[in-house]
Amino acid sequence: MAVARIALGTLRAMPDRSRKRPRDPNQLGKLIVDLATGEAEETLTEDTRDPAAVELGRKGGLKGGKARAAKMTAEERSESARKAACARWAKPG
């Protein structure tokens, strides 16, 4: 059911760019009720991306990290890992 996955907290935390939803809480509430009662139907936008381009991009993303690590020396890999760990544990602000 579409209503179960529509939560006000979810809309704020993770914007849904595939559908346009009202930003006004009253309009959003009415839309949710309309969807629950069947007065309105949720329209999904069609994926217009080229499947060949999507597959090519995925291939590059899957092998990118391994290829980069293979080109680096052990010292460079260690420095990169140290920098990443510092970035993960750094306090924001």
PDB file of N, CA and C in Angstrom:
ATOM      1  N   MET A   1       0.848  -1.182   0.000  1.00  0.00           N
ATOM      2  CA  MET A   1       0.000   0.000   0.000  1.00  0.00           C
ATOM      3  C   MET A   1       0.888   1.237   0.000  1.00  0.00           C
ATOM      4  N   ALA A   2       0.572   2.207  -0.779  1.00  0.00           N
ATOM      5  CA  ALA A   2       1.415   3.379  -0.966  1.00  0.00           C
ATOM      6  C   ALA A   2       1.476   4.252   0.285  1.00  0.00           C
ATOM      7  N   VAL A   3       0.448   4.242   1.086  1.00  0.00           N
ATOM      8  CA  VAL A   3       0.396   5.128   2.240  1.00  0.00           C
ATOM      9  C   VAL A   3       1.407   4.712   3.301  1.00  0.00           C
ATOM     10  N   ALA A   4       1.686   3.440   3.428  1.00  0.00           N
ATOM     11  CA  ALA A   4       2.580   2.952   4.463  1.00  0.00           C
ATOM     12  C   ALA A   4       3.990   3.503   4.308  1.00  0.00           C
ATOM     13  N   ARG A   5       4.426   3.727   3.081  1.00  0.00           N
ATOM     14  CA  ARG A   5       5.785   4.205   2.899  1.00  0.00           C
ATOM     15  C   ARG A   5       5.875   5.722   2.809  1.00  0.00           C
ATOM     16  N   ILE A   6       4.774   6.413   2.898  1.00  0.00           N
ATOM     17  CA  ILE A   6       4.767   7.865   2.870  1.00  0.00           C
ATOM     18  C   ILE A   6       4.705   8.348   4.311  1.00  0.00           C
ATOM     19  N   ALA A   7       5.812   8.832   4.817  1.00  0.00           N
ATOM     20  CA  ALA A   7       5.857   9.357   6.168  1.00  0.00           C
ATOM     21  C   ALA A   7       6.453  10.745   6.110  1.00  0.00           C
ATOM     22  N   LEU A   8       5.974  11.631   6.953  1.00  0.00           N
ATOM     23  CA  LEU A   8       6.441  13.003   6.929  1.00  0.00           C
ATOM     24  C   LEU A   8       7.930  13.074   7.233  1.00  0.00           C
ATOM     25  N   GLY A   9       8.422  12.244   8.159  1.00  0.00           N
ATOM     26  CA  GLY A   9       9.843  12.216   8.475  1.00  0.00           C
ATOM     27  C   GLY A   9      10.678  11.749   7.297  1.00  0.00           C
ATOM     28  N   THR A  10      10.166  10.805   6.541  1.00  0.00           N
ATOM     29  CA  THR A  10      10.899  10.289   5.387  1.00  0.00           C
ATOM     30  C   THR A  10      11.029  11.362   4.313  1.00  0.00           C
ATOM     31  N   LEU A  11       9.996  12.159   4.137  1.00  0.00           N
ATOM     32  CA  LEU A  11      10.053  13.197   3.111  1.00  0.00           C
ATOM     33  C   LEU A  11      11.094  14.248   3.450  1.00  0.00           C
ATOM     34  N   ARG A  12      11.260  14.549   4.714  1.00  0.00           N
ATOM     35  CA  ARG A  12      12.249  15.555   5.099  1.00  0.00           C
ATOM     36  C   ARG A  12      13.661  14.997   5.011  1.00  0.00           C
ATOM     37  N   ALA A  13      13.859  13.765   5.453  1.00  0.00           N
ATOM     38  CA  ALA A  13      15.196  13.205   5.518  1.00  0.00           C
ATOM     39  C   ALA A  13      15.734  12.846   4.140  1.00  0.00           C
ATOM     40  N   MET A  14      14.883  12.305   3.283  1.00  0.00           N
ATOM     41  CA  MET A  14      15.351  11.847   1.987  1.00  0.00           C
ATOM     42  C   MET A  14      14.386  12.364   0.910  1.00  0.00           C
ATOM     43  N   PRO A  15      14.775  13.421   0.194  1.00  0.00           N
ATOM     44  CA  PRO A  15      13.863  13.968  -0.807  1.00  0.00           C
ATOM     45  C   PRO A  15      13.614  12.974  -1.933  1.00  0.00           C
ATOM     46  N   ASP A  16      12.383  12.929  -2.389  1.00  0.00           N
ATOM     47  CA  ASP A  16      11.992  12.010  -3.450  1.00  0.00           C
ATOM     48  C   ASP A  16      11.899  12.808  -4.739  1.00  0.00           C
ATOM     49  N   ARG A  17      12.938  12.740  -5.548  1.00  0.00           N
ATOM     50  CA  ARG A  17      12.976  13.564  -6.746  1.00  0.00           C
ATOM     51  C   ARG A  17      12.221  12.949  -7.925  1.00  0.00           C
ATOM     52  N   SER A  18      11.769  11.720  -7.777  1.00  0.00           N
ATOM     53  CA  SER A  18      11.088  11.089  -8.890  1.00  0.00           C
ATOM     54  C   SER A  18       9.619  11.532  -8.967  1.00  0.00           C
ATOM     55  N   ARG A  19       9.057  11.984  -7.861  1.00  0.00           N
ATOM     56  CA  ARG A  19       7.672  12.441  -7.849  1.00  0.00           C
ATOM     57  C   ARG A  19       7.607  13.825  -7.232  1.00  0.00           C
ATOM     58  N   LYS A  20       6.676  14.617  -7.697  1.00  0.00           N
ATOM     59  CA  LYS A  20       6.477  15.938  -7.123  1.00  0.00           C
ATOM     60  C   LYS A  20       5.367  15.827  -6.087  1.00  0.00           C
ATOM     61  N   ARG A  21       5.687  16.119  -4.864  1.00  0.00           N
ATOM     62  CA  ARG A  21       4.722  16.093  -3.778  1.00  0.00           C
ATOM     63  C   ARG A  21       4.563  17.511  -3.247  1.00  0.00           C
ATOM     64  N   PRO A  22       3.392  17.824  -2.730  1.00  0.00           N
ATOM     65  CA  PRO A  22       3.201  19.160  -2.164  1.00  0.00           C
ATOM     66  C   PRO A  22       4.081  19.374  -0.940  1.00  0.00           C
ATOM     67  N   ARG A  23       4.621  20.573  -0.813  1.00  0.00           N
ATOM     68  CA  ARG A  23       5.445  20.902   0.347  1.00  0.00           C
ATOM     69  C   ARG A  23       4.590  21.363   1.516  1.00  0.00           C
ATOM     70  N   ASP A  24       3.406  21.857   1.232  1.00  0.00           N
ATOM     71  CA  ASP A  24       2.497  22.313   2.277  1.00  0.00           C
ATOM     72  C   ASP A  24       1.948  21.102   3.029  1.00  0.00           C
ATOM     73  N   PRO A  25       2.063  21.083   4.365  1.00  0.00           N
ATOM     74  CA  PRO A  25       1.592  19.915   5.131  1.00  0.00           C
ATOM     75  C   PRO A  25       0.107  19.613   4.936  1.00  0.00           C
ATOM     76  N   ASN A  26      -0.713  20.645   4.773  1.00  0.00           N
ATOM     77  CA  ASN A  26      -2.145  20.413   4.570  1.00  0.00           C
ATOM     78  C   ASN A  26      -2.417  19.742   3.224  1.00  0.00           C
ATOM     79  N   GLN A  27      -1.755  20.213   2.196  1.00  0.00           N
ATOM     80  CA  GLN A  27      -1.934  19.610   0.878  1.00  0.00           C
ATOM     81  C   GLN A  27      -1.382  18.192   0.843  1.00  0.00           C
ATOM     82  N   LEU A  28      -0.264  17.974   1.523  1.00  0.00           N
ATOM     83  CA  LEU A  28       0.317  16.639   1.589  1.00  0.00           C
ATOM     84  C   LEU A  28      -0.625  15.688   2.325  1.00  0.00           C
ATOM     85  N   GLY A  29      -1.216  16.160   3.413  1.00  0.00           N
ATOM     86  CA  GLY A  29      -2.175  15.343   4.155  1.00  0.00           C
ATOM     87  C   GLY A  29      -3.366  14.958   3.300  1.00  0.00           C
ATOM     88  N   LYS A  30      -3.880  15.922   2.537  1.00  0.00           N
ATOM     89  CA  LYS A  30      -5.018  15.629   1.656  1.00  0.00           C
ATOM     90  C   LYS A  30      -4.620  14.605   0.598  1.00  0.00           C
ATOM     91  N   LEU A  31      -3.416  14.739   0.043  1.00  0.00           N
ATOM     92  CA  LEU A  31      -2.948  13.778  -0.958  1.00  0.00           C
ATOM     93  C   LEU A  31      -2.858  12.369  -0.355  1.00  0.00           C
ATOM     94  N   ILE A  32      -2.347  12.267   0.858  1.00  0.00           N
ATOM     95  CA  ILE A  32      -2.224  10.964   1.504  1.00  0.00           C
ATOM     96  C   ILE A  32      -3.600  10.341   1.728  1.00  0.00           C
ATOM     97  N   VAL A  33      -4.555  11.151   2.168  1.00  0.00           N
ATOM     98  CA  VAL A  33      -5.915  10.638   2.375  1.00  0.00           C
ATOM     99  C   VAL A  33      -6.525  10.220   1.041  1.00  0.00           C
ATOM    100  N   ASP A  34      -6.332  11.037   0.016  1.00  0.00           N
ATOM    101  CA  ASP A  34      -6.870  10.694  -1.302  1.00  0.00           C
ATOM    102  C   ASP A  34      -6.266   9.398  -1.834  1.00  0.00           C
ATOM    103  N   LEU A  35      -4.970   9.201  -1.608  1.00  0.00           N
ATOM    104  CA  LEU A  35      -4.341   7.957  -2.047  1.00  0.00           C
ATOM    105  C   LEU A  35      -4.884   6.766  -1.258  1.00  0.00           C
ATOM    106  N   ALA A  36      -5.107   6.965   0.034  1.00  0.00           N
ATOM    107  CA  ALA A  36      -5.592   5.872   0.881  1.00  0.00           C
ATOM    108  C   ALA A  36      -7.025   5.485   0.537  1.00  0.00           C
ATOM    109  N   THR A  37      -7.830   6.452   0.172  1.00  0.00           N
ATOM    110  CA  THR A  37      -9.238   6.167  -0.133  1.00  0.00           C
ATOM    111  C   THR A  37      -9.450   5.811  -1.595  1.00  0.00           C
ATOM    112  N   GLY A  38      -8.429   5.955  -2.407  1.00  0.00           N
ATOM    113  CA  GLY A  38      -8.551   5.589  -3.808  1.00  0.00           C
ATOM    114  C   GLY A  38      -9.081   6.704  -4.686  1.00  0.00           C
ATOM    115  N   GLU A  39      -9.212   7.899  -4.142  1.00  0.00           N
ATOM    116  CA  GLU A  39      -9.697   9.035  -4.937  1.00  0.00           C
ATOM    117  C   GLU A  39      -8.629   9.556  -5.889  1.00  0.00           C
ATOM    118  N   ALA A  40      -7.377   9.332  -5.554  1.00  0.00           N
ATOM    119  CA  ALA A  40      -6.277   9.761  -6.416  1.00  0.00           C
ATOM    120  C   ALA A  40      -5.347   8.566  -6.620  1.00  0.00           C
ATOM    121  N   GLU A  41      -4.664   8.554  -7.745  1.00  0.00           N
ATOM    122  CA  GLU A  41      -3.712   7.484  -8.026  1.00  0.00           C
ATOM    123  C   GLU A  41      -2.318   8.075  -8.088  1.00  0.00           C
ATOM    124  N   GLU A  42      -1.371   7.317  -7.590  1.00  0.00           N
ATOM    125  CA  GLU A  42       0.015   7.762  -7.599  1.00  0.00           C
ATOM    126  C   GLU A  42       0.584   7.545  -8.996  1.00  0.00           C
ATOM    127  N   THR A  43       1.131   8.599  -9.559  1.00  0.00           N
ATOM    128  CA  THR A  43       1.714   8.493 -10.893  1.00  0.00           C
ATOM    129  C   THR A  43       3.216   8.359 -10.762  1.00  0.00           C
ATOM    130  N   LEU A  44       3.774   7.390 -11.427  1.00  0.00           N
ATOM    131  CA  LEU A  44       5.214   7.170 -11.412  1.00  0.00           C
ATOM    132  C   LEU A  44       5.791   7.663 -12.725  1.00  0.00           C
ATOM    133  N   THR A  45       6.931   8.339 -12.642  1.00  0.00           N
ATOM    134  CA  THR A  45       7.568   8.817 -13.864  1.00  0.00           C
ATOM    135  C   THR A  45       8.372   7.684 -14.488  1.00  0.00           C
ATOM    136  N   GLU A  46       8.399   7.661 -15.781  1.00  0.00           N
ATOM    137  CA  GLU A  46       9.104   6.604 -16.505  1.00  0.00           C
ATOM    138  C   GLU A  46      10.593   6.905 -16.541  1.00  0.00           C
ATOM    139  N   ASP A  47      11.410   5.877 -16.426  1.00  0.00           N
ATOM    140  CA  ASP A  47      12.858   6.034 -16.483  1.00  0.00           C
ATOM    141  C   ASP A  47      13.267   6.312 -17.925  1.00  0.00           C
ATOM    142  N   THR A  48      13.820   7.496 -18.166  1.00  0.00           N
ATOM    143  CA  THR A  48      14.173   7.896 -19.532  1.00  0.00           C
ATOM    144  C   THR A  48      15.662   7.726 -19.821  1.00  0.00           C
ATOM    145  N   ARG A  49      16.390   7.105 -18.899  1.00  0.00           N
ATOM    146  CA  ARG A  49      17.823   6.927 -19.119  1.00  0.00           C
ATOM    147  C   ARG A  49      18.069   5.824 -20.153  1.00  0.00           C
ATOM    148  N   ASP A  50      19.173   5.964 -20.851  1.00  0.00           N
ATOM    149  CA  ASP A  50      19.570   4.974 -21.843  1.00  0.00           C
ATOM    150  C   ASP A  50      20.131   3.752 -21.108  1.00  0.00           C
ATOM    151  N   PRO A  51      19.535   2.574 -21.275  1.00  0.00           N
ATOM    152  CA  PRO A  51      20.006   1.392 -20.549  1.00  0.00           C
ATOM    153  C   PRO A  51      21.473   1.053 -20.826  1.00  0.00           C
ATOM    154  N   ALA A  52      21.937   1.299 -22.049  1.00  0.00           N
ATOM    155  CA  ALA A  52      23.332   1.018 -22.379  1.00  0.00           C
ATOM    156  C   ALA A  52      24.267   1.940 -21.598  1.00  0.00           C
ATOM    157  N   ALA A  53      23.886   3.210 -21.472  1.00  0.00           N
ATOM    158  CA  ALA A  53      24.705   4.164 -20.731  1.00  0.00           C
ATOM    159  C   ALA A  53      24.702   3.834 -19.242  1.00  0.00           C
ATOM    160  N   VAL A  54      23.569   3.397 -18.722  1.00  0.00           N
ATOM    161  CA  VAL A  54      23.477   3.016 -17.310  1.00  0.00           C
ATOM    162  C   VAL A  54      24.396   1.832 -17.033  1.00  0.00           C
ATOM    163  N   GLU A  55      24.365   0.840 -17.905  1.00  0.00           N
ATOM    164  CA  GLU A  55      25.210  -0.351 -17.731  1.00  0.00           C
ATOM    165  C   GLU A  55      26.691   0.007 -17.822  1.00  0.00           C
ATOM    166  N   LEU A  56      27.044   0.876 -18.762  1.00  0.00           N
ATOM    167  CA  LEU A  56      28.431   1.291 -18.919  1.00  0.00           C
ATOM    168  C   LEU A  56      28.910   2.039 -17.673  1.00  0.00           C
ATOM    169  N   GLY A  57      28.084   2.911 -17.140  1.00  0.00           N
ATOM    170  CA  GLY A  57      28.443   3.645 -15.926  1.00  0.00           C
ATOM    171  C   GLY A  57      28.604   2.719 -14.741  1.00  0.00           C
ATOM    172  N   ARG A  58      27.750   1.717 -14.652  1.00  0.00           N
ATOM    173  CA  ARG A  58      27.845   0.760 -13.551  1.00  0.00           C
ATOM    174  C   ARG A  58      29.134  -0.049 -13.641  1.00  0.00           C
ATOM    175  N   LYS A  59      29.505  -0.434 -14.860  1.00  0.00           N
ATOM    176  CA  LYS A  59      30.745  -1.198 -15.037  1.00  0.00           C
ATOM    177  C   LYS A  59      31.941  -0.397 -14.528  1.00  0.00           C
ATOM    178  N   GLY A  60      32.002   0.859 -14.909  1.00  0.00           N
ATOM    179  CA  GLY A  60      33.116   1.707 -14.476  1.00  0.00           C
ATOM    180  C   GLY A  60      33.134   1.888 -12.974  1.00  0.00           C
ATOM    181  N   GLY A  61      31.978   2.034 -12.369  1.00  0.00           N
ATOM    182  CA  GLY A  61      31.903   2.218 -10.928  1.00  0.00           C
ATOM    183  C   GLY A  61      32.311   0.978 -10.166  1.00  0.00           C
ATOM    184  N   LEU A  62      32.030  -0.184 -10.708  1.00  0.00           N
ATOM    185  CA  LEU A  62      32.365  -1.424 -10.020  1.00  0.00           C
ATOM    186  C   LEU A  62      33.864  -1.701 -10.018  1.00  0.00           C
ATOM    187  N   LYS A  63      34.552  -1.300 -11.079  1.00  0.00           N
ATOM    188  CA  LYS A  63      35.976  -1.626 -11.144  1.00  0.00           C
ATOM    189  C   LYS A  63      36.876  -0.453 -10.767  1.00  0.00           C
ATOM    190  N   GLY A  64      36.315   0.717 -10.545  1.00  0.00           N
ATOM    191  CA  GLY A  64      37.123   1.910 -10.294  1.00  0.00           C
ATOM    192  C   GLY A  64      38.014   1.821  -9.069  1.00  0.00           C
ATOM    193  N   GLY A  65      37.460   1.399  -7.927  1.00  0.00           N
ATOM    194  CA  GLY A  65      38.232   1.338  -6.691  1.00  0.00           C
ATOM    195  C   GLY A  65      39.336   0.304  -6.747  1.00  0.00           C
ATOM    196  N   LYS A  66      39.050  -0.841  -7.329  1.00  0.00           N
ATOM    197  CA  LYS A  66      40.061  -1.896  -7.434  1.00  0.00           C
ATOM    198  C   LYS A  66      41.198  -1.463  -8.354  1.00  0.00           C
ATOM    199  N   ALA A  67      40.856  -0.816  -9.461  1.00  0.00           N
ATOM    200  CA  ALA A  67      41.889  -0.365 -10.395  1.00  0.00           C
ATOM    201  C   ALA A  67      42.752   0.710  -9.754  1.00  0.00           C
ATOM    202  N   ARG A  68      42.134   1.597  -8.988  1.00  0.00           N
ATOM    203  CA  ARG A  68      42.897   2.661  -8.328  1.00  0.00           C
ATOM    204  C   ARG A  68      43.840   2.067  -7.286  1.00  0.00           C
ATOM    205  N   ALA A  69      43.340   1.105  -6.506  1.00  0.00           N
ATOM    206  CA  ALA A  69      44.173   0.485  -5.477  1.00  0.00           C
ATOM    207  C   ALA A  69      45.335  -0.296  -6.098  1.00  0.00           C
ATOM    208  N   ALA A  70      45.104  -0.911  -7.253  1.00  0.00           N
ATOM    209  CA  ALA A  70      46.166  -1.686  -7.907  1.00  0.00           C
ATOM    210  C   ALA A  70      47.299  -0.790  -8.395  1.00  0.00           C
ATOM    211  N   LYS A  71      46.994   0.450  -8.742  1.00  0.00           N
ATOM    212  CA  LYS A  71      48.014   1.372  -9.240  1.00  0.00           C
ATOM    213  C   LYS A  71      48.819   2.007  -8.116  1.00  0.00           C
ATOM    214  N   MET A  72      48.264   2.012  -6.890  1.00  0.00           N
ATOM    215  CA  MET A  72      48.928   2.684  -5.774  1.00  0.00           C
ATOM    216  C   MET A  72      49.947   1.766  -5.102  1.00  0.00           C
ATOM    217  N   THR A  73      50.962   2.404  -4.533  1.00  0.00           N
ATOM    218  CA  THR A  73      51.926   1.648  -3.736  1.00  0.00           C
ATOM    219  C   THR A  73      51.316   1.387  -2.358  1.00  0.00           C
ATOM    220  N   ALA A  74      51.938   0.514  -1.590  1.00  0.00           N
ATOM    221  CA  ALA A  74      51.429   0.201  -0.251  1.00  0.00           C
ATOM    222  C   ALA A  74      51.400   1.455   0.619  1.00  0.00           C
ATOM    223  N   GLU A  75      52.395   2.289   0.482  1.00  0.00           N
ATOM    224  CA  GLU A  75      52.443   3.526   1.270  1.00  0.00           C
ATOM    225  C   GLU A  75      51.304   4.469   0.877  1.00  0.00           C
ATOM    226  N   GLU A  76      51.031   4.595  -0.419  1.00  0.00           N
ATOM    227  CA  GLU A  76      49.940   5.458  -0.887  1.00  0.00           C
ATOM    228  C   GLU A  76      48.583   4.931  -0.418  1.00  0.00           C
ATOM    229  N   ARG A  77      48.430   3.600  -0.459  1.00  0.00           N
ATOM    230  CA  ARG A  77      47.166   3.015   0.023  1.00  0.00           C
ATOM    231  C   ARG A  77      46.977   3.284   1.512  1.00  0.00           C
ATOM    232  N   SER A  78      48.048   3.152   2.268  1.00  0.00           N
ATOM    233  CA  SER A  78      47.989   3.399   3.706  1.00  0.00           C
ATOM    234  C   SER A  78      47.622   4.860   3.992  1.00  0.00           C
ATOM    235  N   GLU A  79      48.238   5.775   3.270  1.00  0.00           N
ATOM    236  CA  GLU A  79      47.941   7.197   3.449  1.00  0.00           C
ATOM    237  C   GLU A  79      46.493   7.506   3.080  1.00  0.00           C
ATOM    238  N   SER A  80      46.011   6.911   1.997  1.00  0.00           N
ATOM    239  CA  SER A  80      44.634   7.110   1.573  1.00  0.00           C
ATOM    240  C   SER A  80      43.656   6.584   2.630  1.00  0.00           C
ATOM    241  N   ALA A  81      43.961   5.418   3.183  1.00  0.00           N
ATOM    242  CA  ALA A  81      43.105   4.839   4.223  1.00  0.00           C
ATOM    243  C   ALA A  81      43.133   5.692   5.477  1.00  0.00           C
ATOM    244  N   ARG A  82      44.296   6.204   5.837  1.00  0.00           N
ATOM    245  CA  ARG A  82      44.421   7.076   7.012  1.00  0.00           C
ATOM    246  C   ARG A  82      43.595   8.338   6.828  1.00  0.00           C
ATOM    247  N   LYS A  83      43.666   8.926   5.643  1.00  0.00           N
ATOM    248  CA  LYS A  83      42.915  10.143   5.351  1.00  0.00           C
ATOM    249  C   LYS A  83      41.408   9.883   5.402  1.00  0.00           C
ATOM    250  N   ALA A  84      40.989   8.734   4.874  1.00  0.00           N
ATOM    251  CA  ALA A  84      39.566   8.378   4.896  1.00  0.00           C
ATOM    252  C   ALA A  84      39.082   8.165   6.323  1.00  0.00           C
ATOM    253  N   ALA A  85      39.885   7.514   7.152  1.00  0.00           N
ATOM    254  CA  ALA A  85      39.505   7.281   8.544  1.00  0.00           C
ATOM    255  C   ALA A  85      39.382   8.600   9.293  1.00  0.00           C
ATOM    256  N   CYS A  86      40.317   9.518   9.058  1.00  0.00           N
ATOM    257  CA  CYS A  86      40.240  10.840   9.699  1.00  0.00           C
ATOM    258  C   CYS A  86      38.981  11.575   9.275  1.00  0.00           C
ATOM    259  N   ALA A  87      38.628  11.480   8.000  1.00  0.00           N
ATOM    260  CA  ALA A  87      37.426  12.152   7.509  1.00  0.00           C
ATOM    261  C   ALA A  87      36.170  11.537   8.128  1.00  0.00           C
ATOM    262  N   ARG A  88      36.155  10.220   8.319  1.00  0.00           N
ATOM    263  CA  ARG A  88      34.986   9.559   8.922  1.00  0.00           C
ATOM    264  C   ARG A  88      34.824   9.941  10.382  1.00  0.00           C
ATOM    265  N   TRP A  89      35.917  10.069  11.097  1.00  0.00           N
ATOM    266  CA  TRP A  89      35.846  10.295  12.547  1.00  0.00           C
ATOM    267  C   TRP A  89      35.923  11.778  12.924  1.00  0.00           C
ATOM    268  N   ALA A  90      36.132  12.651  11.956  1.00  0.00           N
ATOM    269  CA  ALA A  90      36.227  14.080  12.260  1.00  0.00           C
ATOM    270  C   ALA A  90      34.887  14.594  12.777  1.00  0.00           C
ATOM    271  N   LYS A  91      34.966  15.453  13.736  1.00  0.00           N
ATOM    272  CA  LYS A  91      33.744  16.044  14.297  1.00  0.00           C
ATOM    273  C   LYS A  91      33.263  17.145  13.345  1.00  0.00           C
ATOM    274  N   PRO A  92      31.967  17.146  13.036  1.00  0.00           N
ATOM    275  CA  PRO A  92      31.449  18.205  12.148  1.00  0.00           C
ATOM    276  C   PRO A  92      31.484  19.554  12.858  1.00  0.00           C
ATOM    277  N   GLY A  93      31.826  20.578  12.094  1.00  0.00           N
ATOM    278  CA  GLY A  93      31.826  21.948  12.632  1.00  0.00           C
ATOM    279  C   GLY A  93      33.098  22.235  13.265  1.00  0.00           C
TER     280      GLY A  93
END
